[in-house]
C-alpha atoms as a PDB file:
ATOM      1  CA  MET A   1      98.491  61.555  93.895  1.00  0.00           C
ATOM      2  CA  ARG A   2      99.178  60.998  97.574  1.00  0.00           C
ATOM      3  CA  ASN A   3      96.777  58.806  99.513  1.00  0.00           C
ATOM      4  CA  PRO A   4      94.279  61.127 101.573  1.00  0.00           C
ATOM      5  CA  PHE A   5      94.382  58.726 104.603  1.00  0.00           C
ATOM      6  CA  GLU A   6      98.212  59.107 105.099  1.00  0.00           C
ATOM      7  CA  LYS A   7      99.395  61.328 107.818  1.00  0.00           C
ATOM      8  CA  SER A   8     100.529  64.836 107.072  1.00  0.00           C
ATOM      9  CA  SER A   9     103.734  65.612 105.693  1.00  0.00           C
ATOM     10  CA  ILE A  10     105.419  68.940 106.394  1.00  0.00           C
ATOM     11  CA  LEU A  11     108.669  70.499 104.838  1.00  0.00           C
ATOM     12  CA  ILE A  12     110.271  73.025 107.050  1.00  0.00           C
ATOM     13  CA  ILE A  13     112.555  75.481 104.810  1.00  0.00           C
ATOM     14  CA  TYR A  14     115.346  77.124 106.874  1.00  0.00           C
ATOM     15  CA  THR A  15     116.422  80.079 104.988  1.00  0.00           C
ATOM     16  CA  GLY A  16     118.179  81.665 107.945  1.00  0.00           C
ATOM     17  CA  GLY A  17     117.573  83.946 110.792  1.00  0.00           C
ATOM     18  CA  THR A  18     117.642  83.990 114.505  1.00  0.00           C
ATOM     19  CA  ILE A  19     115.498  80.937 115.042  1.00  0.00           C
ATOM     20  CA  GLY A  20     118.033  78.492 113.543  1.00  0.00           C
ATOM     21  CA  MET A  21     121.016  79.659 115.662  1.00  0.00           C
ATOM     22  CA  LYS A  22     122.428  77.653 118.806  1.00  0.00           C
ATOM     23  CA  GLU A  23     124.613  78.976 121.407  1.00  0.00           C
ATOM     24  CA  ASN A  24     128.171  76.997 121.716  1.00  0.00           C
ATOM     25  CA  PRO A  25     128.205  76.196 125.341  1.00  0.00           C
ATOM     26  CA  LYS A  26     131.920  76.643 125.687  1.00  0.00           C
ATOM     27  CA  THR A  27     132.523  79.815 123.803  1.00  0.00           C
ATOM     28  CA  GLY A  28     128.911  81.449 123.980  1.00  0.00           C
ATOM     29  CA  SER A  29     128.929  82.223 120.196  1.00  0.00           C
ATOM     30  CA  LEU A  30     125.949  81.577 118.079  1.00  0.00           C
ATOM     31  CA  SER A  31     126.142  79.337 114.921  1.00  0.00           C
ATOM     32  CA  PRO A  32     123.585  77.682 112.771  1.00  0.00           C
ATOM     33  CA  PHE A  33     122.378  74.194 113.830  1.00  0.00           C
ATOM     34  CA  ASP A  34     121.966  71.114 111.676  1.00  0.00           C
ATOM     35  CA  PHE A  35     118.373  71.080 110.683  1.00  0.00           C
ATOM     36  CA  SER A  36     118.170  67.364 109.635  1.00  0.00           C
ATOM     37  CA  GLN A  37     118.336  66.958 113.440  1.00  0.00           C
ATOM     38  CA  ILE A  38     115.377  69.201 114.300  1.00  0.00           C
ATOM     39  CA  LEU A  39     113.630  66.459 116.227  1.00  0.00           C
ATOM     40  CA  GLN A  40     116.545  66.422 118.491  1.00  0.00           C
ATOM     41  CA  GLU A  41     116.522  70.220 118.999  1.00  0.00           C
ATOM     42  CA  VAL A  42     112.747  70.304 119.455  1.00  0.00           C
ATOM     43  CA  PRO A  43     111.536  66.974 120.760  1.00  0.00           C
ATOM     44  CA  GLU A  44     108.049  68.256 121.169  1.00  0.00           C
ATOM     45  CA  LEU A  45     107.653  67.817 117.384  1.00  0.00           C
ATOM     46  CA  ARG A  46     107.681  64.025 117.850  1.00  0.00           C
ATOM     47  CA  LYS A  47     104.192  64.332 119.469  1.00  0.00           C
ATOM     48  CA  PHE A  48     102.796  65.135 115.948  1.00  0.00           C
ATOM     49  CA  SER A  49     101.483  62.614 113.882  1.00  0.00           C
ATOM     50  CA  SER A  50     102.922  64.544 110.701  1.00  0.00           C
ATOM     51  CA  LYS A  51     105.984  63.357 109.200  1.00  0.00           C
ATOM     52  CA  ILE A  52     108.681  66.438 109.124  1.00  0.00           C
ATOM     53  CA  ASP A  53     111.385  66.867 106.633  1.00  0.00           C
ATOM     54  CA  SER A  54     113.697  69.874 106.617  1.00  0.00           C
ATOM     55  CA  TYR A  55     115.722  71.737 103.658  1.00  0.00           C
ATOM     56  CA  THR A  56     118.248  74.158 104.693  1.00  0.00           C
ATOM     57  CA  PHE A  57     119.638  76.998 102.573  1.00  0.00           C
ATOM     58  CA  GLU A  58     123.527  76.798 102.260  1.00  0.00           C
ATOM     59  CA  PRO A  59     124.763  79.244 103.453  1.00  0.00           C
ATOM     60  CA  PRO A  60     121.837  80.545 105.735  1.00  0.00           C
ATOM     61  CA  ILE A  61     120.923  84.047 104.582  1.00  0.00           C
ATOM     62  CA  ASP A  62     120.686  86.890 107.036  1.00  0.00           C
ATOM     63  CA  SER A  63     117.389  88.377 106.458  1.00  0.00           C
ATOM     64  CA  SER A  64     118.820  92.034 105.710  1.00  0.00           C
ATOM     65  CA  ASP A  65     120.356  90.300 102.664  1.00  0.00           C
ATOM     66  CA  ILE A  66     117.218  89.073 101.254  1.00  0.00           C
ATOM     67  CA  GLU A  67     116.758  89.583  97.570  1.00  0.00           C
ATOM     68  CA  PRO A  68     114.410  88.682  94.690  1.00  0.00           C
ATOM     69  CA  SER A  69     116.408  85.694  93.648  1.00  0.00           C
ATOM     70  CA  ILE A  70     115.858  84.097  97.271  1.00  0.00           C
ATOM     71  CA  TRP A  71     112.128  84.326  96.629  1.00  0.00           C
ATOM     72  CA  VAL A  72     112.524  82.743  93.380  1.00  0.00           C
ATOM     73  CA  LYS A  73     114.654  79.895  94.811  1.00  0.00           C
ATOM     74  CA  ILE A  74     111.851  79.550  97.697  1.00  0.00           C
ATOM     75  CA  ALA A  75     109.176  79.625  95.180  1.00  0.00           C
ATOM     76  CA  GLU A  76     110.799  76.944  92.843  1.00  0.00           C
ATOM     77  CA  LEU A  77     111.502  74.844  95.941  1.00  0.00           C
ATOM     78  CA  ILE A  78     107.916  74.663  97.084  1.00  0.00           C
ATOM     79  CA  GLN A  79     106.907  74.082  93.365  1.00  0.00           C
ATOM     80  CA  GLU A  80     109.180  71.195  93.194  1.00  0.00           C
ATOM     81  CA  LYS A  81     108.149  69.680  96.576  1.00  0.00           C
ATOM     82  CA  TYR A  82     104.249  70.571  96.321  1.00  0.00           C
ATOM     83  CA  GLU A  83     102.975  67.059  95.519  1.00  0.00           C
ATOM     84  CA  ARG A  84     104.960  65.507  98.244  1.00  0.00           C
ATOM     85  CA  TYR A  85     104.003  67.757 101.305  1.00  0.00           C
ATOM     86  CA  ASP A  86     100.709  69.152 102.840  1.00  0.00           C
ATOM     87  CA  GLY A  87     102.271  72.331 104.284  1.00  0.00           C
ATOM     88  CA  PHE A  88     105.383  74.214 104.131  1.00  0.00           C
ATOM     89  CA  ILE A  89     106.994  76.293 106.863  1.00  0.00           C
ATOM     90  CA  ILE A  90     109.600  78.999 105.999  1.00  0.00           C
ATOM     91  CA  LEU A  91     111.950  79.942 108.889  1.00  0.00           C
ATOM     92  CA  HIS A  92     113.358  83.240 108.129  1.00  0.00           C
ATOM     93  CA  GLY A  93     114.644  86.175 109.851  1.00  0.00           C
ATOM     94  CA  THR A  94     112.251  88.844 111.093  1.00  0.00           C
ATOM     95  CA  ASP A  95     113.793  92.033 109.727  1.00  0.00           C
ATOM     96  CA  THR A  96     112.430  91.225 105.942  1.00  0.00           C
ATOM     97  CA  MET A  97     109.887  88.418 106.747  1.00  0.00           C
ATOM     98  CA  ALA A  98     106.814  90.554 105.853  1.00  0.00           C
ATOM     99  CA  TYR A  99     108.558  91.463 102.719  1.00  0.00           C
ATOM    100  CA  SER A 100     109.138  87.920 101.873  1.00  0.00           C
ATOM    101  CA  ALA A 101     105.469  86.731 103.032  1.00  0.00           C
ATOM    102  CA  SER A 102     104.101  89.513 100.700  1.00  0.00           C
ATOM    103  CA  MET A 103     106.108  88.621  97.756  1.00  0.00           C
ATOM    104  CA  LEU A 104     105.488  84.665  98.073  1.00  0.00           C
ATOM    105  CA  SER A 105     101.562  85.554  98.196  1.00  0.00           C
ATOM    106  CA  PHE A 106     101.802  86.835  94.817  1.00  0.00           C
ATOM    107  CA  MET A 107     104.322  84.596  93.309  1.00  0.00           C
ATOM    108  CA  LEU A 108     102.271  81.212  94.352  1.00  0.00           C
ATOM    109  CA  ASP A 109      99.220  81.123  92.120  1.00  0.00           C
ATOM    110  CA  HIS A 110      96.273  78.742  93.109  1.00  0.00           C
ATOM    111  CA  LEU A 111      97.862  77.909  96.265  1.00  0.00           C
ATOM    112  CA  SER A 112      95.769  75.308  98.164  1.00  0.00           C
ATOM    113  CA  LYS A 113      98.298  74.321 100.796  1.00  0.00           C
ATOM    114  CA  PRO A 114      99.674  76.485 103.911  1.00  0.00           C
ATOM    115  CA  VAL A 115     102.975  78.347 103.637  1.00  0.00           C
ATOM    116  CA  VAL A 116     103.636  79.485 107.110  1.00  0.00           C
ATOM    117  CA  PHE A 117     106.611  81.946 107.769  1.00  0.00           C
ATOM    118  CA  THR A 118     107.847  81.992 111.326  1.00  0.00           C
ATOM    119  CA  GLY A 119     111.035  82.770 113.090  1.00  0.00           C
ATOM    120  CA  SER A 120     112.069  84.005 116.494  1.00  0.00           C
ATOM    121  CA  GLN A 121     113.606  87.027 118.488  1.00  0.00           C
ATOM    122  CA  LEU A 122     115.883  84.571 120.353  1.00  0.00           C
ATOM    123  CA  PRO A 123     117.796  81.746 119.022  1.00  0.00           C
ATOM    124  CA  ILE A 124     115.869  78.245 119.572  1.00  0.00           C
ATOM    125  CA  GLY A 125     118.822  76.963 121.741  1.00  0.00           C
ATOM    126  CA  LEU A 126     118.315  79.653 124.488  1.00  0.00           C
ATOM    127  CA  LEU A 127     116.347  78.820 127.326  1.00  0.00           C
ATOM    128  CA  ARG A 128     113.799  81.540 127.125  1.00  0.00           C
ATOM    129  CA  THR A 129     113.351  81.460 123.317  1.00  0.00           C
ATOM    130  CA  ASP A 130     110.150  82.386 121.487  1.00  0.00           C
ATOM    131  CA  GLY A 131     111.424  80.311 118.841  1.00  0.00           C
ATOM    132  CA  ARG A 132     110.154  76.722 120.308  1.00  0.00           C
ATOM    133  CA  GLU A 133     106.678  77.799 120.657  1.00  0.00           C
ATOM    134  CA  ASN A 134     106.621  79.621 117.233  1.00  0.00           C
ATOM    135  CA  LEU A 135     107.682  76.417 115.501  1.00  0.00           C
ATOM    136  CA  ILE A 136     105.476  74.077 117.280  1.00  0.00           C
ATOM    137  CA  SER A 137     102.506  76.162 116.548  1.00  0.00           C
ATOM    138  CA  ALA A 138     103.450  76.714 113.039  1.00  0.00           C
ATOM    139  CA  VAL A 139     103.705  72.932 112.532  1.00  0.00           C
ATOM    140  CA  GLU A 140     100.266  72.505 113.864  1.00  0.00           C
ATOM    141  CA  ILE A 141      98.785  74.936 111.592  1.00  0.00           C
ATOM    142  CA  ALA A 142     100.532  73.662 108.562  1.00  0.00           C
ATOM    143  CA  SER A 143      99.118  70.261 109.320  1.00  0.00           C
ATOM    144  CA  ALA A 144      95.427  71.396 110.093  1.00  0.00           C
ATOM    145  CA  LYS A 145      92.748  70.097 107.747  1.00  0.00           C
ATOM    146  CA  ASN A 146      89.041  70.167 107.787  1.00  0.00           C
ATOM    147  CA  ILE A 147      86.411  67.367 107.895  1.00  0.00           C
ATOM    148  CA  HIS A 148      87.018  67.330 104.038  1.00  0.00           C
ATOM    149  CA  SER A 149      90.633  66.669 104.338  1.00  0.00           C
ATOM    150  CA  ARG A 150      91.496  70.241 103.101  1.00  0.00           C
ATOM    151  CA  ALA A 151      94.021  72.592 104.641  1.00  0.00           C
ATOM    152  CA  ILE A 152      92.422  74.933 107.245  1.00  0.00           C
ATOM    153  CA  VAL A 153      94.814  77.961 106.368  1.00  0.00           C
ATOM    154  CA  PRO A 154      95.704  77.536 102.520  1.00  0.00           C
ATOM    155  CA  GLU A 155      97.406  80.735 102.031  1.00  0.00           C
ATOM    156  CA  VAL A 156     100.986  82.457 102.571  1.00  0.00           C
ATOM    157  CA  CYS A 157     100.690  83.592 106.172  1.00  0.00           C
ATOM    158  CA  ILE A 158     103.058  84.547 109.403  1.00  0.00           C
ATOM    159  CA  PHE A 159     102.898  83.000 112.665  1.00  0.00           C
ATOM    160  CA  PHE A 160     104.332  84.993 115.467  1.00  0.00           C
ATOM    161  CA  ASP A 161     103.758  85.233 119.174  1.00  0.00           C
ATOM    162  CA  SER A 162     100.344  83.300 119.211  1.00  0.00           C
ATOM    163  CA  ARG A 163      98.882  84.997 116.378  1.00  0.00           C
ATOM    164  CA  LEU A 164      98.562  83.874 112.718  1.00  0.00           C
ATOM    165  CA  LEU A 165      98.549  86.827 110.121  1.00  0.00           C
ATOM    166  CA  ARG A 166      97.771  86.973 106.387  1.00  0.00           C
ATOM    167  CA  GLY A 167     101.237  87.434 105.185  1.00  0.00           C
ATOM    168  CA  ASN A 168     100.745  90.437 102.797  1.00  0.00           C
ATOM    169  CA  ARG A 169      98.846  92.246 105.567  1.00  0.00           C
ATOM    170  CA  SER A 170     101.797  91.899 107.905  1.00  0.00           C
ATOM    171  CA  THR A 171     104.430  94.517 109.023  1.00  0.00           C
ATOM    172  CA  LYS A 172     107.291  94.170 111.530  1.00  0.00           C
ATOM    173  CA  VAL A 173     106.209  96.690 114.409  1.00  0.00           C
ATOM    174  CA  ASN A 174     108.791  95.666 117.196  1.00  0.00           C
ATOM    175  CA  SER A 175     112.544  95.002 117.344  1.00  0.00           C
ATOM    176  CA  SER A 176     112.758  93.847 120.661  1.00  0.00           C
ATOM    177  CA  SER A 177     109.580  92.261 121.749  1.00  0.00           C
ATOM    178  CA  PHE A 178     108.196  88.774 121.068  1.00  0.00           C
ATOM    179  CA  ASP A 179     105.160  90.651 119.831  1.00  0.00           C
ATOM    180  CA  ALA A 180     107.031  91.579 116.713  1.00  0.00           C
ATOM    181  CA  PHE A 181     104.361  91.768 114.000  1.00  0.00           C
ATOM    182  CA  SER A 182     101.058  93.351 113.555  1.00  0.00           C
ATOM    183  CA  SER A 183      98.117  93.041 110.987  1.00  0.00           C
ATOM    184  CA  PRO A 184      96.527  96.631 111.398  1.00  0.00           C
ATOM    185  CA  ASN A 185      94.151  96.718 108.628  1.00  0.00           C
ATOM    186  CA  TYR A 186      92.904  92.885 108.714  1.00  0.00           C
ATOM    187  CA  PRO A 187      91.932  90.542 111.295  1.00  0.00           C
ATOM    188  CA  ILE A 188      94.075  87.752 112.467  1.00  0.00           C
ATOM    189  CA  LEU A 189      93.649  84.252 110.844  1.00  0.00           C
ATOM    190  CA  ALA A 190      94.008  82.378 114.067  1.00  0.00           C
ATOM    191  CA  ASP A 191      95.021  82.680 117.605  1.00  0.00           C
ATOM    192  CA  ALA A 192      96.777  80.185 119.857  1.00  0.00           C
ATOM    193  CA  GLY A 193      95.963  79.641 123.301  1.00  0.00           C
ATOM    194  CA  ILE A 194      94.887  76.568 124.926  1.00  0.00           C
ATOM    195  CA  ASN A 195      93.770  75.343 121.494  1.00  0.00           C
ATOM    196  CA  ILE A 196      94.378  77.075 118.104  1.00  0.00           C
ATOM    197  CA  ARG A 197      91.285  78.863 117.256  1.00  0.00           C
ATOM    198  CA  TYR A 198      90.724  79.547 113.464  1.00  0.00           C
ATOM    199  CA  HIS A 199      88.751  82.618 112.216  1.00  0.00           C
ATOM    200  CA  GLU A 200      87.517  81.089 108.948  1.00  0.00           C
ATOM    201  CA  HIS A 201      85.636  84.010 107.886  1.00  0.00           C
ATOM    202  CA  ALA A 202      89.109  85.819 107.485  1.00  0.00           C
ATOM    203  CA  ILE A 203      90.973  83.112 105.617  1.00  0.00           C
ATOM    204  CA  HIS A 204      91.093  82.916 101.797  1.00  0.00           C
ATOM    205  CA  TYR A 205      90.002  79.625 100.411  1.00  0.00           C
ATOM    206  CA  PRO A 206      90.823  79.092  96.462  1.00  0.00           C
ATOM    207  CA  SER A 207      87.690  78.752  94.378  1.00  0.00           C
ATOM    208  CA  LEU A 208      89.261  76.084  92.068  1.00  0.00           C
ATOM    209  CA  LEU A 209      90.743  73.563  94.447  1.00  0.00           C
ATOM    210  CA  GLU A 210      92.217  71.106  91.839  1.00  0.00           C
ATOM    211  CA  ARG A 211      94.054  73.764  89.686  1.00  0.00           C
ATOM    212  CA  PRO A 212      97.811  73.092  89.962  1.00  0.00           C
ATOM    213  CA  LEU A 213     100.257  75.534  91.531  1.00  0.00           C
ATOM    214  CA  GLN A 214     101.948  78.014  89.233  1.00  0.00           C
ATOM    215  CA  ILE A 215     104.602  80.199  90.305  1.00  0.00           C
ATOM    216  CA  HIS A 216     105.641  83.757  88.800  1.00  0.00           C
ATOM    217  CA  THR A 217     109.430  84.154  89.119  1.00  0.00           C
ATOM    218  CA  ASN A 218     109.738  87.135  86.601  1.00  0.00           C
ATOM    219  CA  LEU A 219     109.864  90.055  89.053  1.00  0.00           C
ATOM    220  CA  ASP A 220     110.632  93.598  87.765  1.00  0.00           C
ATOM    221  CA  THR A 221     112.170  95.416  90.625  1.00  0.00           C
ATOM    222  CA  ARG A 222     112.374  99.006  88.982  1.00  0.00           C
ATOM    223  CA  VAL A 223     110.689 100.511  91.981  1.00  0.00           C
ATOM    224  CA  ALA A 224     111.741 103.542  94.187  1.00  0.00           C
ATOM    225  CA  VAL A 225     110.275 104.374  97.470  1.00  0.00           C
ATOM    226  CA  LEU A 226     109.742 108.143  98.258  1.00  0.00           C
ATOM    227  CA  LYS A 227     109.108 109.179 101.877  1.00  0.00           C
ATOM    228  CA  ILE A 228     107.219 112.563 101.982  1.00  0.00           C
ATOM    229  CA  HIS A 229     108.517 114.388 104.915  1.00  0.00           C
ATOM    230  CA  PRO A 230     108.907 118.148 106.118  1.00  0.00           C
ATOM    231  CA  GLY A 231     111.633 119.964 104.316  1.00  0.00           C
ATOM    232  CA  ILE A 232     111.994 117.559 101.501  1.00  0.00           C
ATOM    233  CA  THR A 233     113.932 119.413  98.663  1.00  0.00           C
ATOM    234  CA  GLU A 234     113.171 119.556  95.005  1.00  0.00           C
ATOM    235  CA  GLN A 235     116.142 117.766  93.806  1.00  0.00           C
ATOM    236  CA  VAL A 236     115.400 114.833  96.073  1.00  0.00           C
ATOM    237  CA  ALA A 237     111.904 114.532  94.797  1.00  0.00           C
ATOM    238  CA  ARG A 238     113.152 115.124  91.135  1.00  0.00           C
ATOM    239  CA  ASN A 239     116.034 112.458  91.477  1.00  0.00           C
ATOM    240  CA  VAL A 240     113.395 109.959  92.605  1.00  0.00           C
ATOM    241  CA  LEU A 241     110.404 110.652  90.666  1.00  0.00           C
ATOM    242  CA  LEU A 242     112.130 111.438  87.372  1.00  0.00           C
ATOM    243  CA  GLY A 243     115.062 109.011  87.918  1.00  0.00           C
ATOM    244  CA  GLU A 244     116.465 107.061  84.979  1.00  0.00           C
ATOM    245  CA  GLY A 245     115.658 103.341  85.094  1.00  0.00           C
ATOM    246  CA  ILE A 246     112.684 103.520  87.608  1.00  0.00           C
ATOM    247  CA  ARG A 247     109.588 102.496  86.257  1.00  0.00           C
ATOM    248  CA  ALA A 248     107.400 102.933  89.467  1.00  0.00           C
ATOM    249  CA  VAL A 249     107.615 105.218  92.643  1.00  0.00           C
ATOM    250  CA  ILE A 250     105.743 104.385  95.856  1.00  0.00           C
ATOM    251  CA  LEU A 251     105.004 107.552  97.413  1.00  0.00           C
ATOM    252  CA  GLU A 252     104.875 107.289 101.267  1.00  0.00           C
ATOM    253  CA  THR A 253     102.408 109.915 102.281  1.00  0.00           C
ATOM    254  CA  TYR A 254     100.737 111.486 105.350  1.00  0.00           C
ATOM    255  CA  GLY A 255      97.460 110.430 106.863  1.00  0.00           C
ATOM    256  CA  SER A 256      94.865 109.553 104.230  1.00  0.00           C
ATOM    257  CA  GLY A 257      97.263 110.141 101.459  1.00  0.00           C
ATOM    258  CA  ASN A 258      98.375 113.744 101.718  1.00  0.00           C
ATOM    259  CA  ALA A 259     101.581 115.497 100.583  1.00  0.00           C
ATOM    260  CA  MET A 260     102.727 119.208 100.226  1.00  0.00           C
ATOM    261  CA  SER A 261     100.885 121.173  97.848  1.00  0.00           C
ATOM    262  CA  LYS A 262     103.901 123.307  96.494  1.00  0.00           C
ATOM    263  CA  PRO A 263     103.613 124.030  92.938  1.00  0.00           C
ATOM    264  CA  TRP A 264     107.111 122.428  91.965  1.00  0.00           C
ATOM    265  CA  PHE A 265     106.339 119.388  93.898  1.00  0.00           C
ATOM    266  CA  LEU A 266     103.089 118.792  92.085  1.00  0.00           C
ATOM    267  CA  ASP A 267     104.735 119.852  88.724  1.00  0.00           C
ATOM    268  CA  ILE A 268     107.348 117.191  89.450  1.00  0.00           C
ATOM    269  CA  VAL A 269     104.699 114.469  90.185  1.00  0.00           C
ATOM    270  CA  ARG A 270     102.861 115.519  87.072  1.00  0.00           C
ATOM    271  CA  GLU A 271     105.748 115.085  84.881  1.00  0.00           C
ATOM    272  CA  SER A 272     106.618 111.766  86.376  1.00  0.00           C
ATOM    273  CA  SER A 273     102.961 110.627  85.625  1.00  0.00           C
ATOM    274  CA  GLN A 274     103.357 111.875  82.048  1.00  0.00           C
ATOM    275  CA  CYS A 275     106.462 110.113  81.392  1.00  0.00           C
ATOM    276  CA  GLY A 276     104.504 107.147  81.851  1.00  0.00           C
ATOM    277  CA  LYS A 277     105.746 106.119  85.433  1.00  0.00           C
ATOM    278  CA  ILE A 278     103.584 104.417  87.872  1.00  0.00           C
ATOM    279  CA  LEU A 279     102.954 106.217  91.155  1.00  0.00           C
ATOM    280  CA  LEU A 280     101.296 104.439  93.947  1.00  0.00           C
ATOM    281  CA  ASN A 281     100.252 106.314  97.136  1.00  0.00           C
ATOM    282  CA  VAL A 282     100.679 104.395 100.418  1.00  0.00           C
ATOM    283  CA  THR A 283     100.073 105.970 103.899  1.00  0.00           C
ATOM    284  CA  GLN A 284     102.958 106.291 106.475  1.00  0.00           C
ATOM    285  CA  CYS A 285     100.376 105.396 109.151  1.00  0.00           C
ATOM    286  CA  LEU A 286     100.406 101.986 110.651  1.00  0.00           C
ATOM    287  CA  ALA A 287      96.648 101.588 110.193  1.00  0.00           C
ATOM    288  CA  GLY A 288      94.034 103.204 107.944  1.00  0.00           C
ATOM    289  CA  GLU A 289      93.819 103.830 104.241  1.00  0.00           C
ATOM    290  CA  VAL A 290      94.696 106.239 101.545  1.00  0.00           C
ATOM    291  CA  ASN A 291      91.794 108.379 100.310  1.00  0.00           C
ATOM    292  CA  MET A 292      92.486 111.100  98.153  1.00  0.00           C
ATOM    293  CA  ASP A 293      89.160 112.518  97.802  1.00  0.00           C
ATOM    294  CA  LEU A 294      88.973 113.380 101.529  1.00  0.00           C
ATOM    295  CA  TYR A 295      91.596 116.694 101.442  1.00  0.00           C
ATOM    296  CA  SER A 296      92.657 119.056  98.657  1.00  0.00           C
ATOM    297  CA  ASN A 297      96.363 117.913  98.988  1.00  0.00           C
ATOM    298  CA  GLY A 298      95.221 114.379  98.329  1.00  0.00           C
ATOM    299  CA  LYS A 299      93.060 115.322  95.591  1.00  0.00           C
ATOM    300  CA  ALA A 300      95.966 117.284  94.034  1.00  0.00           C
ATOM    301  CA  LEU A 301      98.119 113.973  93.970  1.00  0.00           C
ATOM    302  CA  LYS A 302      95.110 112.189  92.260  1.00  0.00           C
ATOM    303  CA  ASP A 303      94.826 114.962  89.655  1.00  0.00           C
ATOM    304  CA  ALA A 304      98.397 114.641  88.990  1.00  0.00           C
ATOM    305  CA  GLY A 305      98.067 110.960  88.047  1.00  0.00           C
ATOM    306  CA  VAL A 306      98.920 109.191  91.515  1.00  0.00           C
ATOM    307  CA  GLU A 307      97.085 105.754  92.132  1.00  0.00           C
ATOM    308  CA  SER A 308      95.763 104.821  95.523  1.00  0.00           C
ATOM    309  CA  GLY A 309      97.156 101.875  97.424  1.00  0.00           C
ATOM    310  CA  TYR A 310      93.974 101.914  99.511  1.00  0.00           C
ATOM    311  CA  ASP A 311      94.952 100.105 102.785  1.00  0.00           C
ATOM    312  CA  ILE A 312      97.935  98.172 101.578  1.00  0.00           C
ATOM    313  CA  THR A 313     101.278  97.736 103.599  1.00  0.00           C
ATOM    314  CA  GLY A 314     104.364  99.229 102.243  1.00  0.00           C
ATOM    315  CA  GLU A 315     105.868  95.613 102.073  1.00  0.00           C
ATOM    316  CA  ALA A 316     102.935  94.350  99.924  1.00  0.00           C
ATOM    317  CA  ALA A 317     102.919  97.500  97.950  1.00  0.00           C
ATOM    318  CA  LEU A 318     106.320  96.886  96.976  1.00  0.00           C
ATOM    319  CA  ALA A 319     105.627  92.825  96.186  1.00  0.00           C
ATOM    320  CA  LYS A 320     102.649  93.825  94.159  1.00  0.00           C
ATOM    321  CA  LEU A 321     104.531  96.165  91.906  1.00  0.00           C
ATOM    322  CA  PHE A 322     107.216  93.622  91.303  1.00  0.00           C
ATOM    323  CA  PHE A 323     104.921  90.856  90.580  1.00  0.00           C
ATOM    324  CA  LEU A 324     102.574  92.923  88.196  1.00  0.00           C
ATOM    325  CA  MET A 325     105.651  94.871  86.624  1.00  0.00           C
ATOM    326  CA  GLY A 326     107.279  91.356  85.934  1.00  0.00           C
ATOM    327  CA  LYS A 327     104.036  90.044  84.271  1.00  0.00           C
ATOM    328  CA  TYR A 328     102.888  93.200  82.206  1.00  0.00           C
ATOM    329  CA  SER A 329     104.975  95.467  80.072  1.00  0.00           C
ATOM    330  CA  ASP A 330     102.092  98.005  79.798  1.00  0.00           C
ATOM    331  CA  ASN A 331     102.054 100.450  82.752  1.00  0.00           C
ATOM    332  CA  ASP A 332      98.448 100.993  82.064  1.00  0.00           C
ATOM    333  CA  LYS A 333      97.616  97.362  82.583  1.00  0.00           C
ATOM    334  CA  VAL A 334      99.635  97.494  85.948  1.00  0.00           C
ATOM    335  CA  LYS A 335      97.872 100.660  86.836  1.00  0.00           C
ATOM    336  CA  SER A 336      94.410  99.097  86.528  1.00  0.00           C
ATOM    337  CA  LEU A 337      95.294  96.004  88.375  1.00  0.00           C
ATOM    338  CA  LEU A 338      96.639  97.874  91.412  1.00  0.00           C
ATOM    339  CA  LYS A 339      93.062  98.865  92.101  1.00  0.00           C
ATOM    340  CA  LYS A 340      92.120  95.198  92.267  1.00  0.00           C
ATOM    341  CA  ASN A 341      92.291  92.955  95.293  1.00  0.00           C
ATOM    342  CA  LEU A 342      94.557  90.134  93.750  1.00  0.00           C
ATOM    343  CA  ARG A 343      95.784  88.168  96.989  1.00  0.00           C
ATOM    344  CA  GLY A 344      93.742  89.491  99.857  1.00  0.00           C
ATOM    345  CA  GLU A 345      96.290  92.349 100.140  1.00  0.00           C
ATOM    346  CA  ILE A 346      93.833  95.252 100.010  1.00  0.00           C
ATOM    347  CA  SER A 347      90.044  95.757 101.476  1.00  0.00           C
ATOM    348  CA  LYS A 348      88.448  96.243  98.102  1.00  0.00           C
END
């Protein structure tokens, strides 16, 4: 056991992404810098009392290439280092950061320490970079403890542009602004101004603090996504909903969970459900929730065997299915757990 009077220890895990790039002053090209020299690159970190170590993925991974094996590697690394560190910062490309944060929220069970994802829109070596401020604030959040020496934010989250968001409530909303992420259906966990102000009513605290961390690395990725759109053809719907090797389909629907009422479409949905496939309804809207009892078109989907995703994000819906399907072979069991709030991913 670590001495509670020791200063906090933080592990920075660099998976890849823009934040870790540095411009060559001669050629102008960008290349990853050596994170073992992080205190030289960001000297402001020296002002923290925390001990800061780093671990770099070799080679660094473009976030567009993130896949389940990388999530497993991150989870296993956190488990391996869990007793040595008080908090973890995962530096990650922005394109798939919300997917990774959502997935890690399900993979890390009985988490009692902060796991803070952050990154940047500009390389940390550039003059106007947002990476420096994002990293400094992430370190402060990962180090923060209450009067009982417990982590103030013991969950998987994303820090970006002065705001701390629950990881599985986050989505990327802007590709060219520092304000890249939003949490449309859940309050922010903290905001960084002159001081960092924590909104403890919105933060999840484990009920059993002494339970050891467990990780879930068996992920079943046999999930397809069907975005409902005007003009969708019968063949496209059939290929996805009845596709061989597909165990679950996320239906990205209009508004509060609506889709077309054409008999051919509902017949395919019904056939897919009767074949035993898991069908999950997630709204295309940035904010709001699925309510299939509101309109007749939504009710038709419900009657055809589609489950409600409530106010879950598309990223968290995918992660939740990967997690549950990897844990249970019984599709009815998975469907029953989709209705439950497991990691703060839905308002239920």
